[in-house]
Amino acid sequence: MKYNFKEKVVVVTGAGNGIGKAIAKSFAQSGASVVVNDIDKTRVNEVVTEINETGGQSIGAIADVSKGNQVDHIFHVAINEFSKVNVLIN
């Protein structure tokens, strides 16, 4: 079954590799705008590039989700770029 997440904004933490990366790419392929989060800037940039080069829309938010003030940063990035957050995958 194919889901349509067009006009939805999804934040995926731990999206720099592995399952998180696969989830971020899957949401992007389903039409979502994706906020790619990880603590590793290089990995975030790679995933954002992969998504955007295949026609998706994504931005990166480097943050450590174990620190509350950094979690706030992720949401500020999402709201500033996309004006909303519909789904958080943690």
PDB file of N, CA and C in Angstrom:
ATOM      1  N   MET A   1       0.843  -1.175   0.000  1.00  0.00           N
ATOM      2  CA  MET A   1       0.000   0.000   0.000  1.00  0.00           C
ATOM      3  C   MET A   1       0.895   1.248   0.000  1.00  0.00           C
ATOM      4  N   LYS A   2       0.590   2.180  -0.840  1.00  0.00           N
ATOM      5  CA  LYS A   2       1.347   3.432  -0.944  1.00  0.00           C
ATOM      6  C   LYS A   2       0.613   4.517  -0.167  1.00  0.00           C
ATOM      7  N   TYR A   3       1.323   5.164   0.723  1.00  0.00           N
ATOM      8  CA  TYR A   3       0.748   6.261   1.498  1.00  0.00           C
ATOM      9  C   TYR A   3       1.138   7.583   0.878  1.00  0.00           C
ATOM     10  N   ASN A   4       0.287   8.573   1.039  1.00  0.00           N
ATOM     11  CA  ASN A   4       0.546   9.903   0.514  1.00  0.00           C
ATOM     12  C   ASN A   4       0.755  10.862   1.678  1.00  0.00           C
ATOM     13  N   PHE A   5       1.965  11.358   1.811  1.00  0.00           N
ATOM     14  CA  PHE A   5       2.286  12.309   2.860  1.00  0.00           C
ATOM     15  C   PHE A   5       2.535  13.703   2.296  1.00  0.00           C
ATOM     16  N   LYS A   6       1.999  13.953   1.101  1.00  0.00           N
ATOM     17  CA  LYS A   6       2.137  15.270   0.487  1.00  0.00           C
ATOM     18  C   LYS A   6       1.594  16.329   1.448  1.00  0.00           C
ATOM     19  N   GLU A   7       2.328  17.426   1.573  1.00  0.00           N
ATOM     20  CA  GLU A   7       1.998  18.554   2.451  1.00  0.00           C
ATOM     21  C   GLU A   7       2.137  18.219   3.937  1.00  0.00           C
ATOM     22  N   LYS A   8       2.770  17.103   4.251  1.00  0.00           N
ATOM     23  CA  LYS A   8       3.050  16.737   5.642  1.00  0.00           C
ATOM     24  C   LYS A   8       4.531  16.954   5.909  1.00  0.00           C
ATOM     25  N   VAL A   9       4.842  17.300   7.149  1.00  0.00           N
ATOM     26  CA  VAL A   9       6.226  17.500   7.565  1.00  0.00           C
ATOM     27  C   VAL A   9       6.554  16.443   8.604  1.00  0.00           C
ATOM     28  N   VAL A  10       7.627  15.698   8.343  1.00  0.00           N
ATOM     29  CA  VAL A  10       8.034  14.599   9.204  1.00  0.00           C
ATOM     30  C   VAL A  10       9.440  14.871   9.727  1.00  0.00           C
ATOM     31  N   VAL A  11       9.605  14.774  11.044  1.00  0.00           N
ATOM     32  CA  VAL A  11      10.918  14.874  11.672  1.00  0.00           C
ATOM     33  C   VAL A  11      11.367  13.451  11.989  1.00  0.00           C
ATOM     34  N   VAL A  12      12.550  13.085  11.498  1.00  0.00           N
ATOM     35  CA  VAL A  12      13.093  11.748  11.766  1.00  0.00           C
ATOM     36  C   VAL A  12      14.410  11.913  12.511  1.00  0.00           C
ATOM     37  N   THR A  13      14.424  11.480  13.777  1.00  0.00           N
ATOM     38  CA  THR A  13      15.662  11.535  14.551  1.00  0.00           C
ATOM     39  C   THR A  13      16.486  10.287  14.239  1.00  0.00           C
ATOM     40  N   GLY A  14      17.791  10.415  14.376  1.00  0.00           N
ATOM     41  CA  GLY A  14      18.664   9.287  14.071  1.00  0.00           C
ATOM     42  C   GLY A  14      18.646   8.914  12.602  1.00  0.00           C
ATOM     43  N   ALA A  15      18.403   9.907  11.739  1.00  0.00           N
ATOM     44  CA  ALA A  15      18.223   9.640  10.311  1.00  0.00           C
ATOM     45  C   ALA A  15      19.531   9.661   9.528  1.00  0.00           C
ATOM     46  N   GLY A  16      20.659   9.704  10.206  1.00  0.00           N
ATOM     47  CA  GLY A  16      21.933   9.757   9.516  1.00  0.00           C
ATOM     48  C   GLY A  16      22.369   8.449   8.897  1.00  0.00           C
ATOM     49  N   ASN A  17      21.806   7.334   9.365  1.00  0.00           N
ATOM     50  CA  ASN A  17      22.148   6.032   8.791  1.00  0.00           C
ATOM     51  C   ASN A  17      21.129   4.986   9.237  1.00  0.00           C
ATOM     52  N   GLY A  18      21.292   3.797   8.738  1.00  0.00           N
ATOM     53  CA  GLY A  18      20.480   2.657   9.158  1.00  0.00           C
ATOM     54  C   GLY A  18      18.989   2.834   8.967  1.00  0.00           C
ATOM     55  N   ILE A  19      18.240   2.379   9.958  1.00  0.00           N
ATOM     56  CA  ILE A  19      16.783   2.408   9.895  1.00  0.00           C
ATOM     57  C   ILE A  19      16.256   3.835   9.801  1.00  0.00           C
ATOM     58  N   GLY A  20      16.844   4.750  10.557  1.00  0.00           N
ATOM     59  CA  GLY A  20      16.403   6.142  10.507  1.00  0.00           C
ATOM     60  C   GLY A  20      16.531   6.740   9.115  1.00  0.00           C
ATOM     61  N   LYS A  21      17.636   6.449   8.458  1.00  0.00           N
ATOM     62  CA  LYS A  21      17.846   6.931   7.089  1.00  0.00           C
ATOM     63  C   LYS A  21      16.800   6.337   6.152  1.00  0.00           C
ATOM     64  N   ALA A  22      16.557   5.053   6.276  1.00  0.00           N
ATOM     65  CA  ALA A  22      15.564   4.391   5.423  1.00  0.00           C
ATOM     66  C   ALA A  22      14.172   4.980   5.656  1.00  0.00           C
ATOM     67  N   ILE A  23      13.839   5.268   6.894  1.00  0.00           N
ATOM     68  CA  ILE A  23      12.541   5.860   7.217  1.00  0.00           C
ATOM     69  C   ILE A  23      12.434   7.250   6.603  1.00  0.00           C
ATOM     70  N   ALA A  24      13.468   8.059   6.751  1.00  0.00           N
ATOM     71  CA  ALA A  24      13.458   9.421   6.195  1.00  0.00           C
ATOM     72  C   ALA A  24      13.267   9.378   4.683  1.00  0.00           C
ATOM     73  N   LYS A  25      13.998   8.500   4.014  1.00  0.00           N
ATOM     74  CA  LYS A  25      13.890   8.393   2.559  1.00  0.00           C
ATOM     75  C   LYS A  25      12.513   7.877   2.130  1.00  0.00           C
ATOM     76  N   SER A  26      11.956   6.960   2.890  1.00  0.00           N
ATOM     77  CA  SER A  26      10.629   6.430   2.581  1.00  0.00           C
ATOM     78  C   SER A  26       9.554   7.517   2.696  1.00  0.00           C
ATOM     79  N   PHE A  27       9.613   8.307   3.762  1.00  0.00           N
ATOM     80  CA  PHE A  27       8.653   9.404   3.903  1.00  0.00           C
ATOM     81  C   PHE A  27       8.814  10.407   2.764  1.00  0.00           C
ATOM     82  N   ALA A  28      10.040  10.709   2.394  1.00  0.00           N
ATOM     83  CA  ALA A  28      10.269  11.645   1.288  1.00  0.00           C
ATOM     84  C   ALA A  28       9.688  11.092  -0.009  1.00  0.00           C
ATOM     85  N   GLN A  29       9.870   9.803  -0.256  1.00  0.00           N
ATOM     86  CA  GLN A  29       9.315   9.181  -1.457  1.00  0.00           C
ATOM     87  C   GLN A  29       7.791   9.179  -1.444  1.00  0.00           C
ATOM     88  N   SER A  30       7.209   9.276  -0.244  1.00  0.00           N
ATOM     89  CA  SER A  30       5.752   9.329  -0.111  1.00  0.00           C
ATOM     90  C   SER A  30       5.221  10.759  -0.132  1.00  0.00           C
ATOM     91  N   GLY A  31       6.102  11.718  -0.415  1.00  0.00           N
ATOM     92  CA  GLY A  31       5.680  13.101  -0.587  1.00  0.00           C
ATOM     93  C   GLY A  31       5.891  14.022   0.585  1.00  0.00           C
ATOM     94  N   ALA A  32       6.371  13.523   1.707  1.00  0.00           N
ATOM     95  CA  ALA A  32       6.575  14.363   2.887  1.00  0.00           C
ATOM     96  C   ALA A  32       7.793  15.261   2.726  1.00  0.00           C
ATOM     97  N   SER A  33       7.737  16.391   3.384  1.00  0.00           N
ATOM     98  CA  SER A  33       8.934  17.206   3.600  1.00  0.00           C
ATOM     99  C   SER A  33       9.573  16.646   4.858  1.00  0.00           C
ATOM    100  N   VAL A  34      10.872  16.361   4.809  1.00  0.00           N
ATOM    101  CA  VAL A  34      11.519  15.635   5.895  1.00  0.00           C
ATOM    102  C   VAL A  34      12.604  16.478   6.551  1.00  0.00           C
ATOM    103  N   VAL A  35      12.570  16.518   7.882  1.00  0.00           N
ATOM    104  CA  VAL A  35      13.645  17.112   8.660  1.00  0.00           C
ATOM    105  C   VAL A  35      14.520  15.950   9.116  1.00  0.00           C
ATOM    106  N   VAL A  36      15.736  15.905   8.584  1.00  0.00           N
ATOM    107  CA  VAL A  36      16.685  14.835   8.856  1.00  0.00           C
ATOM    108  C   VAL A  36      17.526  15.238  10.059  1.00  0.00           C
ATOM    109  N   ASN A  37      17.426  14.466  11.149  1.00  0.00           N
ATOM    110  CA  ASN A  37      18.194  14.762  12.356  1.00  0.00           C
ATOM    111  C   ASN A  37      19.191  13.661  12.652  1.00  0.00           C
ATOM    112  N   ASP A  38      20.361  14.083  13.097  1.00  0.00           N
ATOM    113  CA  ASP A  38      21.388  13.193  13.613  1.00  0.00           C
ATOM    114  C   ASP A  38      22.408  14.081  14.311  1.00  0.00           C
ATOM    115  N   ILE A  39      23.315  13.480  15.069  1.00  0.00           N
ATOM    116  CA  ILE A  39      24.369  14.269  15.711  1.00  0.00           C
ATOM    117  C   ILE A  39      25.573  14.464  14.800  1.00  0.00           C
ATOM    118  N   ASP A  40      25.617  13.707  13.711  1.00  0.00           N
ATOM    119  CA  ASP A  40      26.739  13.767  12.779  1.00  0.00           C
ATOM    120  C   ASP A  40      26.376  14.626  11.570  1.00  0.00           C
ATOM    121  N   LYS A  41      26.994  15.794  11.472  1.00  0.00           N
ATOM    122  CA  LYS A  41      26.683  16.746  10.401  1.00  0.00           C
ATOM    123  C   LYS A  41      26.911  16.159   9.013  1.00  0.00           C
ATOM    124  N   THR A  42      27.992  15.420   8.849  1.00  0.00           N
ATOM    125  CA  THR A  42      28.310  14.832   7.545  1.00  0.00           C
ATOM    126  C   THR A  42      27.213  13.873   7.097  1.00  0.00           C
ATOM    127  N   ARG A  43      26.769  13.016   8.006  1.00  0.00           N
ATOM    128  CA  ARG A  43      25.722  12.054   7.648  1.00  0.00           C
ATOM    129  C   ARG A  43      24.406  12.762   7.345  1.00  0.00           C
ATOM    130  N   VAL A  44      24.080  13.779   8.141  1.00  0.00           N
ATOM    131  CA  VAL A  44      22.850  14.542   7.874  1.00  0.00           C
ATOM    132  C   VAL A  44      22.908  15.144   6.481  1.00  0.00           C
ATOM    133  N   ASN A  45      24.016  15.787   6.160  1.00  0.00           N
ATOM    134  CA  ASN A  45      24.155  16.417   4.843  1.00  0.00           C
ATOM    135  C   ASN A  45      24.060  15.396   3.711  1.00  0.00           C
ATOM    136  N   GLU A  46      24.617  14.215   3.906  1.00  0.00           N
ATOM    137  CA  GLU A  46      24.546  13.170   2.880  1.00  0.00           C
ATOM    138  C   GLU A  46      23.112  12.720   2.637  1.00  0.00           C
ATOM    139  N   VAL A  47      22.359  12.514   3.717  1.00  0.00           N
ATOM    140  CA  VAL A  47      20.976  12.056   3.577  1.00  0.00           C
ATOM    141  C   VAL A  47      20.120  13.150   2.941  1.00  0.00           C
ATOM    142  N   VAL A  48      20.293  14.388   3.384  1.00  0.00           N
ATOM    143  CA  VAL A  48      19.548  15.508   2.800  1.00  0.00           C
ATOM    144  C   VAL A  48      19.830  15.586   1.300  1.00  0.00           C
ATOM    145  N   THR A  49      21.090  15.472   0.926  1.00  0.00           N
ATOM    146  CA  THR A  49      21.461  15.517  -0.495  1.00  0.00           C
ATOM    147  C   THR A  49      20.809  14.382  -1.262  1.00  0.00           C
ATOM    148  N   GLU A  50      20.856  13.164  -0.727  1.00  0.00           N
ATOM    149  CA  GLU A  50      20.242  12.018  -1.399  1.00  0.00           C
ATOM    150  C   GLU A  50      18.751  12.240  -1.618  1.00  0.00           C
ATOM    151  N   ILE A  51      18.067  12.720  -0.601  1.00  0.00           N
ATOM    152  CA  ILE A  51      16.620  12.951  -0.713  1.00  0.00           C
ATOM    153  C   ILE A  51      16.336  14.040  -1.745  1.00  0.00           C
ATOM    154  N   ASN A  52      17.042  15.153  -1.640  1.00  0.00           N
ATOM    155  CA  ASN A  52      16.767  16.280  -2.531  1.00  0.00           C
ATOM    156  C   ASN A  52      17.138  15.986  -3.977  1.00  0.00           C
ATOM    157  N   GLU A  53      18.192  15.210  -4.197  1.00  0.00           N
ATOM    158  CA  GLU A  53      18.601  14.880  -5.561  1.00  0.00           C
ATOM    159  C   GLU A  53      17.642  13.909  -6.250  1.00  0.00           C
ATOM    160  N   THR A  54      16.822  13.220  -5.467  1.00  0.00           N
ATOM    161  CA  THR A  54      15.849  12.298  -6.056  1.00  0.00           C
ATOM    162  C   THR A  54      14.449  12.910  -6.090  1.00  0.00           C
ATOM    163  N   GLY A  55      14.374  14.234  -5.942  1.00  0.00           N
ATOM    164  CA  GLY A  55      13.102  14.930  -6.071  1.00  0.00           C
ATOM    165  C   GLY A  55      12.350  15.169  -4.787  1.00  0.00           C
ATOM    166  N   GLY A  56      12.899  14.733  -3.679  1.00  0.00           N
ATOM    167  CA  GLY A  56      12.258  14.972  -2.390  1.00  0.00           C
ATOM    168  C   GLY A  56      12.610  16.333  -1.845  1.00  0.00           C
ATOM    169  N   GLN A  57      12.013  16.649  -0.707  1.00  0.00           N
ATOM    170  CA  GLN A  57      12.297  17.920  -0.049  1.00  0.00           C
ATOM    171  C   GLN A  57      12.701  17.620   1.389  1.00  0.00           C
ATOM    172  N   SER A  58      13.913  18.048   1.750  1.00  0.00           N
ATOM    173  CA  SER A  58      14.383  17.824   3.112  1.00  0.00           C
ATOM    174  C   SER A  58      15.372  18.892   3.530  1.00  0.00           C
ATOM    175  N   ILE A  59      15.511  19.012   4.830  1.00  0.00           N
ATOM    176  CA  ILE A  59      16.523  19.873   5.438  1.00  0.00           C
ATOM    177  C   ILE A  59      17.132  19.107   6.597  1.00  0.00           C
ATOM    178  N   GLY A  60      18.286  19.543   7.035  1.00  0.00           N
ATOM    179  CA  GLY A  60      18.961  18.894   8.146  1.00  0.00           C
ATOM    180  C   GLY A  60      18.847  19.694   9.419  1.00  0.00           C
ATOM    181  N   ALA A  61      18.879  18.978  10.535  1.00  0.00           N
ATOM    182  CA  ALA A  61      18.897  19.590  11.862  1.00  0.00           C
ATOM    183  C   ALA A  61      19.848  18.764  12.724  1.00  0.00           C
ATOM    184  N   ILE A  62      21.047  19.290  12.922  1.00  0.00           N
ATOM    185  CA  ILE A  62      22.048  18.581  13.722  1.00  0.00           C
ATOM    186  C   ILE A  62      21.741  18.843  15.185  1.00  0.00           C
ATOM    187  N   ALA A  63      21.517  17.757  15.939  1.00  0.00           N
ATOM    188  CA  ALA A  63      21.202  17.893  17.360  1.00  0.00           C
ATOM    189  C   ALA A  63      21.301  16.536  18.035  1.00  0.00           C
ATOM    190  N   ASP A  64      21.557  16.579  19.330  1.00  0.00           N
ATOM    191  CA  ASP A  64      21.595  15.393  20.179  1.00  0.00           C
ATOM    192  C   ASP A  64      20.253  15.330  20.916  1.00  0.00           C
ATOM    193  N   VAL A  65      19.422  14.347  20.588  1.00  0.00           N
ATOM    194  CA  VAL A  65      18.084  14.290  21.169  1.00  0.00           C
ATOM    195  C   VAL A  65      18.076  13.938  22.651  1.00  0.00           C
ATOM    196  N   SER A  66      19.217  13.605  23.216  1.00  0.00           N
ATOM    197  CA  SER A  66      19.278  13.363  24.658  1.00  0.00           C
ATOM    198  C   SER A  66      19.395  14.664  25.448  1.00  0.00           C
ATOM    199  N   LYS A  67      19.501  15.783  24.739  1.00  0.00           N
ATOM    200  CA  LYS A  67      19.604  17.101  25.369  1.00  0.00           C
ATOM    201  C   LYS A  67      18.404  17.948  24.958  1.00  0.00           C
ATOM    202  N   GLY A  68      17.574  18.290  25.937  1.00  0.00           N
ATOM    203  CA  GLY A  68      16.322  18.987  25.679  1.00  0.00           C
ATOM    204  C   GLY A  68      16.447  20.247  24.852  1.00  0.00           C
ATOM    205  N   ASN A  69      17.448  21.080  25.133  1.00  0.00           N
ATOM    206  CA  ASN A  69      17.583  22.328  24.384  1.00  0.00           C
ATOM    207  C   ASN A  69      17.928  22.058  22.915  1.00  0.00           C
ATOM    208  N   GLN A  70      18.575  20.944  22.639  1.00  0.00           N
ATOM    209  CA  GLN A  70      18.880  20.609  21.254  1.00  0.00           C
ATOM    210  C   GLN A  70      17.654  20.056  20.527  1.00  0.00           C
ATOM    211  N   VAL A  71      16.774  19.397  21.270  1.00  0.00           N
ATOM    212  CA  VAL A  71      15.516  18.939  20.677  1.00  0.00           C
ATOM    213  C   VAL A  71      14.701  20.161  20.247  1.00  0.00           C
ATOM    214  N   ASP A  72      14.686  21.183  21.086  1.00  0.00           N
ATOM    215  CA  ASP A  72      14.006  22.433  20.727  1.00  0.00           C
ATOM    216  C   ASP A  72      14.533  22.965  19.397  1.00  0.00           C
ATOM    217  N   HIS A  73      15.840  22.864  19.196  1.00  0.00           N
ATOM    218  CA  HIS A  73      16.459  23.339  17.955  1.00  0.00           C
ATOM    219  C   HIS A  73      15.869  22.628  16.734  1.00  0.00           C
ATOM    220  N   ILE A  74      15.662  21.326  16.840  1.00  0.00           N
ATOM    221  CA  ILE A  74      15.103  20.562  15.719  1.00  0.00           C
ATOM    222  C   ILE A  74      13.744  21.136  15.322  1.00  0.00           C
ATOM    223  N   PHE A  75      12.920  21.400  16.319  1.00  0.00           N
ATOM    224  CA  PHE A  75      11.586  21.921  16.020  1.00  0.00           C
ATOM    225  C   PHE A  75      11.630  23.356  15.509  1.00  0.00           C
ATOM    226  N   HIS A  76      12.558  24.146  15.995  1.00  0.00           N
ATOM    227  CA  HIS A  76      12.718  25.505  15.455  1.00  0.00           C
ATOM    228  C   HIS A  76      13.098  25.452  13.978  1.00  0.00           C
ATOM    229  N   VAL A  77      14.006  24.554  13.621  1.00  0.00           N
ATOM    230  CA  VAL A  77      14.400  24.395  12.219  1.00  0.00           C
ATOM    231  C   VAL A  77      13.184  23.994  11.382  1.00  0.00           C
ATOM    232  N   ALA A  78      12.436  23.010  11.867  1.00  0.00           N
ATOM    233  CA  ALA A  78      11.262  22.530  11.129  1.00  0.00           C
ATOM    234  C   ALA A  78      10.221  23.631  10.945  1.00  0.00           C
ATOM    235  N   ILE A  79       9.913  24.337  12.005  1.00  0.00           N
ATOM    236  CA  ILE A  79       8.893  25.386  11.942  1.00  0.00           C
ATOM    237  C   ILE A  79       9.361  26.542  11.062  1.00  0.00           C
ATOM    238  N   ASN A  80      10.619  26.923  11.188  1.00  0.00           N
ATOM    239  CA  ASN A  80      11.131  28.021  10.364  1.00  0.00           C
ATOM    240  C   ASN A  80      11.100  27.684   8.878  1.00  0.00           C
ATOM    241  N   GLU A  81      11.378  26.439   8.531  1.00  0.00           N
ATOM    242  CA  GLU A  81      11.432  26.050   7.116  1.00  0.00           C
ATOM    243  C   GLU A  81      10.068  25.648   6.561  1.00  0.00           C
ATOM    244  N   PHE A  82       9.300  24.871   7.337  1.00  0.00           N
ATOM    245  CA  PHE A  82       8.077  24.274   6.816  1.00  0.00           C
ATOM    246  C   PHE A  82       6.792  24.740   7.514  1.00  0.00           C
ATOM    247  N   SER A  83       6.913  25.529   8.558  1.00  0.00           N
ATOM    248  CA  SER A  83       5.776  26.121   9.293  1.00  0.00           C
ATOM    249  C   SER A  83       4.967  25.155  10.146  1.00  0.00           C
ATOM    250  N   LYS A  84       5.356  23.889  10.157  1.00  0.00           N
ATOM    251  CA  LYS A  84       4.594  22.930  10.965  1.00  0.00           C
ATOM    252  C   LYS A  84       5.375  21.626  11.100  1.00  0.00           C
ATOM    253  N   VAL A  85       4.906  20.776  11.989  1.00  0.00           N
ATOM    254  CA  VAL A  85       5.396  19.402  12.107  1.00  0.00           C
ATOM    255  C   VAL A  85       4.167  18.524  12.262  1.00  0.00           C
ATOM    256  N   ASN A  86       4.032  17.520  11.413  1.00  0.00           N
ATOM    257  CA  ASN A  86       2.903  16.605  11.484  1.00  0.00           C
ATOM    258  C   ASN A  86       3.250  15.291  12.154  1.00  0.00           C
ATOM    259  N   VAL A  87       4.485  14.798  11.962  1.00  0.00           N
ATOM    260  CA  VAL A  87       4.886  13.493  12.463  1.00  0.00           C
ATOM    261  C   VAL A  87       6.301  13.576  13.014  1.00  0.00           C
ATOM    262  N   LEU A  88       6.522  12.947  14.177  1.00  0.00           N
ATOM    263  CA  LEU A  88       7.855  12.809  14.749  1.00  0.00           C
ATOM    264  C   LEU A  88       8.165  11.315  14.859  1.00  0.00           C
ATOM    265  N   ILE A  89       9.247  10.895  14.218  1.00  0.00           N
ATOM    266  CA  ILE A  89       9.720   9.517  14.303  1.00  0.00           C
ATOM    267  C   ILE A  89      11.006   9.544  15.115  1.00  0.00           C
ATOM    268  N   ASN A  90      10.970   8.913  16.258  1.00  0.00           N
ATOM    269  CA  ASN A  90      12.113   8.939  17.166  1.00  0.00           C
ATOM    270  C   ASN A  90      12.580   7.531  17.427  1.00  0.00           C
TER     271      ASN A  90
END
